């Protein structure tokens, strides 16, 4: 995920995320901010999740409305390759 704001390039932004089951929404559990916009998650249970990502610029301003992705893993079929 890349981003920019009106004052800063994407290279100076840091990102934080949280992944919560849709039926257990919380205002807490954000990850620490990190410069790499990469995310790796272990295999969660097969259910519906909300992934939220927010950015912070070098002045410490945190994105007030995170980017939201609703993910449904309940119907996925996993295959070993």
N, C-alpha and C. Protein backbone atom coordinates (compact mmCIF):
# COMPACT_ATOMS: atom_id res chain seq x y z
N UNK A 1 0.85 -1.16 0.00
CA UNK A 1 0.00 0.00 0.00
C UNK A 1 0.90 1.22 0.00
N UNK A 2 0.65 2.11 -0.88
CA UNK A 2 1.40 3.35 -0.95
C UNK A 2 0.47 4.49 -0.62
N UNK A 3 1.05 5.62 -0.32
CA UNK A 3 0.20 6.75 -0.01
C UNK A 3 0.97 8.04 -0.02
N UNK A 4 0.25 9.13 0.00
CA UNK A 4 0.85 10.43 0.17
C UNK A 4 -0.20 11.36 0.74
N UNK A 5 0.25 12.47 1.29
CA UNK A 5 -0.69 13.49 1.70
C UNK A 5 -0.24 14.79 1.07
N UNK A 6 -0.87 15.87 1.43
CA UNK A 6 -0.58 17.13 0.74
C UNK A 6 0.82 17.66 1.02
N UNK A 7 1.48 17.16 2.06
CA UNK A 7 2.79 17.68 2.43
C UNK A 7 3.92 16.67 2.33
N UNK A 8 3.62 15.38 2.34
CA UNK A 8 4.65 14.37 2.46
C UNK A 8 4.54 13.33 1.36
N UNK A 9 5.68 12.85 0.90
CA UNK A 9 5.73 11.76 -0.08
C UNK A 9 5.51 10.44 0.65
N UNK A 10 5.17 9.41 -0.11
CA UNK A 10 4.89 8.10 0.48
C UNK A 10 6.09 7.51 1.21
N UNK A 11 7.31 7.90 0.82
CA UNK A 11 8.50 7.35 1.47
C UNK A 11 8.62 7.81 2.92
N UNK A 12 7.96 8.91 3.30
CA UNK A 12 8.07 9.40 4.68
C UNK A 12 6.90 8.96 5.54
N UNK A 13 5.93 8.27 4.97
CA UNK A 13 4.78 7.81 5.74
C UNK A 13 5.08 6.48 6.41
N UNK A 14 4.47 6.27 7.57
CA UNK A 14 4.51 4.99 8.25
C UNK A 14 3.08 4.46 8.32
N UNK A 15 2.95 3.15 8.45
CA UNK A 15 1.64 2.52 8.40
C UNK A 15 1.40 1.64 9.62
N UNK A 16 0.13 1.57 10.03
CA UNK A 16 -0.31 0.73 11.13
C UNK A 16 -1.58 0.02 10.66
N UNK A 17 -1.83 -1.16 11.20
CA UNK A 17 -3.02 -1.92 10.78
C UNK A 17 -3.64 -2.63 11.98
N UNK A 18 -4.85 -3.08 11.77
CA UNK A 18 -5.48 -4.01 12.71
C UNK A 18 -6.41 -4.91 11.91
N UNK A 19 -6.48 -6.15 12.32
CA UNK A 19 -7.33 -7.15 11.69
C UNK A 19 -8.23 -7.70 12.79
N UNK A 20 -9.53 -7.52 12.64
CA UNK A 20 -10.46 -7.98 13.66
C UNK A 20 -11.61 -8.72 13.01
N UNK A 21 -12.12 -9.77 13.66
CA UNK A 21 -13.33 -10.40 13.15
C UNK A 21 -14.46 -9.37 13.15
N UNK A 22 -15.31 -9.40 12.14
CA UNK A 22 -16.38 -8.41 12.03
C UNK A 22 -17.31 -8.42 13.22
N UNK A 23 -17.46 -9.56 13.87
CA UNK A 23 -18.36 -9.63 15.02
C UNK A 23 -17.67 -9.26 16.34
N UNK A 24 -16.40 -8.88 16.29
CA UNK A 24 -15.66 -8.52 17.50
C UNK A 24 -14.94 -7.19 17.31
N UNK A 25 -15.60 -6.23 16.69
CA UNK A 25 -14.97 -4.96 16.38
C UNK A 25 -14.49 -4.26 17.65
N UNK A 26 -13.33 -3.63 17.57
CA UNK A 26 -12.75 -2.92 18.70
C UNK A 26 -12.07 -1.66 18.22
N UNK A 27 -11.91 -0.70 19.10
CA UNK A 27 -11.18 0.53 18.78
C UNK A 27 -9.70 0.38 19.12
N UNK A 28 -9.30 -0.77 19.61
CA UNK A 28 -7.92 -0.98 20.04
C UNK A 28 -7.19 -1.92 19.09
N UNK A 29 -6.05 -2.42 19.54
CA UNK A 29 -5.26 -3.45 18.85
C UNK A 29 -4.63 -3.00 17.54
N UNK A 30 -4.24 -1.73 17.43
CA UNK A 30 -3.49 -1.29 16.26
C UNK A 30 -2.06 -1.78 16.38
N UNK A 31 -1.47 -2.15 15.25
CA UNK A 31 -0.07 -2.55 15.24
C UNK A 31 0.80 -1.30 15.42
N UNK A 32 2.06 -1.48 15.80
CA UNK A 32 2.97 -0.33 15.82
C UNK A 32 3.14 0.20 14.39
N UNK A 33 3.40 1.49 14.26
CA UNK A 33 3.66 2.06 12.94
C UNK A 33 4.99 1.54 12.42
N UNK A 34 5.04 1.28 11.11
CA UNK A 34 6.27 0.82 10.46
C UNK A 34 6.38 1.48 9.10
N UNK A 35 7.62 1.64 8.64
CA UNK A 35 7.86 2.31 7.37
C UNK A 35 7.53 1.44 6.16
N UNK A 36 7.68 0.13 6.30
CA UNK A 36 7.41 -0.76 5.16
C UNK A 36 5.91 -0.96 5.00
N UNK A 37 5.37 -0.66 3.82
CA UNK A 37 3.94 -0.85 3.61
C UNK A 37 3.59 -2.29 3.22
N UNK A 38 4.15 -3.25 3.95
CA UNK A 38 3.90 -4.68 3.69
C UNK A 38 3.24 -5.29 4.91
N UNK A 39 2.40 -6.26 4.66
CA UNK A 39 1.69 -6.91 5.74
C UNK A 39 1.68 -8.41 5.50
N UNK A 40 2.05 -9.17 6.53
CA UNK A 40 2.02 -10.61 6.45
C UNK A 40 1.27 -11.12 7.68
N UNK A 41 0.24 -11.92 7.44
CA UNK A 41 -0.59 -12.42 8.53
C UNK A 41 -0.58 -13.93 8.52
N UNK A 42 -0.64 -14.53 9.71
CA UNK A 42 -0.77 -15.98 9.78
C UNK A 42 -2.20 -16.34 9.38
N UNK A 43 -2.41 -17.59 9.04
CA UNK A 43 -3.72 -18.04 8.57
C UNK A 43 -4.75 -17.91 9.69
N UNK A 44 -5.70 -16.99 9.55
CA UNK A 44 -6.73 -16.84 10.57
C UNK A 44 -7.82 -17.89 10.40
N UNK A 45 -8.76 -17.88 11.32
CA UNK A 45 -9.92 -18.76 11.21
C UNK A 45 -10.74 -18.37 9.99
N UNK A 46 -11.52 -19.30 9.50
CA UNK A 46 -12.38 -19.02 8.35
C UNK A 46 -13.62 -18.27 8.81
N UNK A 47 -13.54 -16.97 8.74
CA UNK A 47 -14.68 -16.12 9.06
C UNK A 47 -14.51 -14.78 8.37
N UNK A 48 -15.33 -13.81 8.71
CA UNK A 48 -15.26 -12.50 8.08
C UNK A 48 -14.44 -11.56 8.96
N UNK A 49 -13.55 -10.79 8.31
CA UNK A 49 -12.65 -9.89 9.02
C UNK A 49 -12.73 -8.48 8.45
N UNK A 50 -12.32 -7.55 9.25
CA UNK A 50 -12.11 -6.18 8.80
C UNK A 50 -10.63 -5.85 8.98
N UNK A 51 -9.99 -5.48 7.86
CA UNK A 51 -8.60 -5.02 7.88
C UNK A 51 -8.64 -3.51 7.72
N UNK A 52 -8.03 -2.82 8.66
CA UNK A 52 -7.96 -1.36 8.61
C UNK A 52 -6.49 -0.95 8.57
N UNK A 53 -6.19 0.01 7.73
CA UNK A 53 -4.83 0.52 7.58
C UNK A 53 -4.87 2.03 7.71
N UNK A 54 -3.93 2.58 8.48
CA UNK A 54 -3.84 4.03 8.62
C UNK A 54 -2.40 4.47 8.45
N UNK A 55 -2.22 5.70 8.08
CA UNK A 55 -0.88 6.26 7.84
C UNK A 55 -0.58 7.35 8.86
N UNK A 56 0.73 7.55 9.08
CA UNK A 56 1.20 8.62 9.94
C UNK A 56 2.33 9.33 9.21
N UNK A 57 2.29 10.66 9.17
CA UNK A 57 3.35 11.40 8.48
C UNK A 57 4.48 11.72 9.45
N UNK A 58 5.54 12.34 8.94
CA UNK A 58 6.73 12.59 9.77
C UNK A 58 6.47 13.62 10.86
N UNK A 59 5.36 14.34 10.80
CA UNK A 59 4.99 15.28 11.86
C UNK A 59 4.16 14.61 12.94
N UNK A 60 3.84 13.32 12.76
CA UNK A 60 3.06 12.58 13.74
C UNK A 60 1.56 12.65 13.53
N UNK A 61 1.12 13.24 12.43
CA UNK A 61 -0.31 13.29 12.12
C UNK A 61 -0.78 11.92 11.66
N UNK A 62 -1.80 11.38 12.33
CA UNK A 62 -2.34 10.06 12.00
C UNK A 62 -3.62 10.24 11.19
N UNK A 63 -3.73 9.46 10.13
CA UNK A 63 -4.91 9.48 9.26
C UNK A 63 -6.15 9.26 10.12
N UNK A 64 -7.10 10.21 10.13
CA UNK A 64 -8.25 10.08 11.03
C UNK A 64 -9.23 8.98 10.62
N UNK A 65 -9.38 8.73 9.34
CA UNK A 65 -10.28 7.69 8.85
C UNK A 65 -9.47 6.63 8.12
N UNK A 66 -9.24 5.48 8.75
CA UNK A 66 -8.42 4.45 8.12
C UNK A 66 -9.05 3.91 6.84
N UNK A 67 -8.21 3.36 5.98
CA UNK A 67 -8.68 2.64 4.80
C UNK A 67 -9.17 1.28 5.27
N UNK A 68 -10.36 0.87 4.82
CA UNK A 68 -11.02 -0.33 5.35
C UNK A 68 -11.22 -1.36 4.24
N UNK A 69 -10.89 -2.61 4.57
CA UNK A 69 -11.13 -3.75 3.68
C UNK A 69 -11.90 -4.80 4.47
N UNK A 70 -13.08 -5.19 4.01
CA UNK A 70 -13.80 -6.31 4.62
C UNK A 70 -13.44 -7.57 3.83
N UNK A 71 -13.02 -8.60 4.55
CA UNK A 71 -12.51 -9.83 3.93
C UNK A 71 -13.34 -11.00 4.44
N UNK A 72 -13.84 -11.81 3.52
CA UNK A 72 -14.63 -12.98 3.89
C UNK A 72 -13.81 -14.24 3.59
N UNK A 73 -13.32 -14.88 4.64
CA UNK A 73 -12.55 -16.11 4.49
C UNK A 73 -13.40 -17.35 4.74
N UNK A 74 -14.67 -17.17 5.01
CA UNK A 74 -15.51 -18.31 5.38
C UNK A 74 -15.75 -19.28 4.24
N UNK A 75 -15.63 -18.81 2.99
CA UNK A 75 -15.91 -19.69 1.86
C UNK A 75 -14.66 -20.01 1.03
N UNK A 76 -13.51 -19.64 1.53
CA UNK A 76 -12.29 -19.93 0.79
C UNK A 76 -11.96 -21.43 0.86
N UNK A 77 -11.41 -21.93 -0.21
CA UNK A 77 -10.94 -23.31 -0.24
C UNK A 77 -9.43 -23.26 -0.32
N UNK A 78 -8.77 -23.80 0.67
CA UNK A 78 -7.31 -23.79 0.70
C UNK A 78 -6.79 -25.09 0.09
N UNK A 79 -5.78 -24.96 -0.73
CA UNK A 79 -5.17 -26.13 -1.36
C UNK A 79 -3.69 -26.14 -1.09
N UNK A 80 -3.15 -27.30 -0.82
CA UNK A 80 -1.71 -27.46 -0.70
C UNK A 80 -1.12 -27.63 -2.07
N UNK A 81 -0.04 -26.93 -2.32
CA UNK A 81 0.59 -27.05 -3.66
C UNK A 81 1.99 -27.57 -3.51
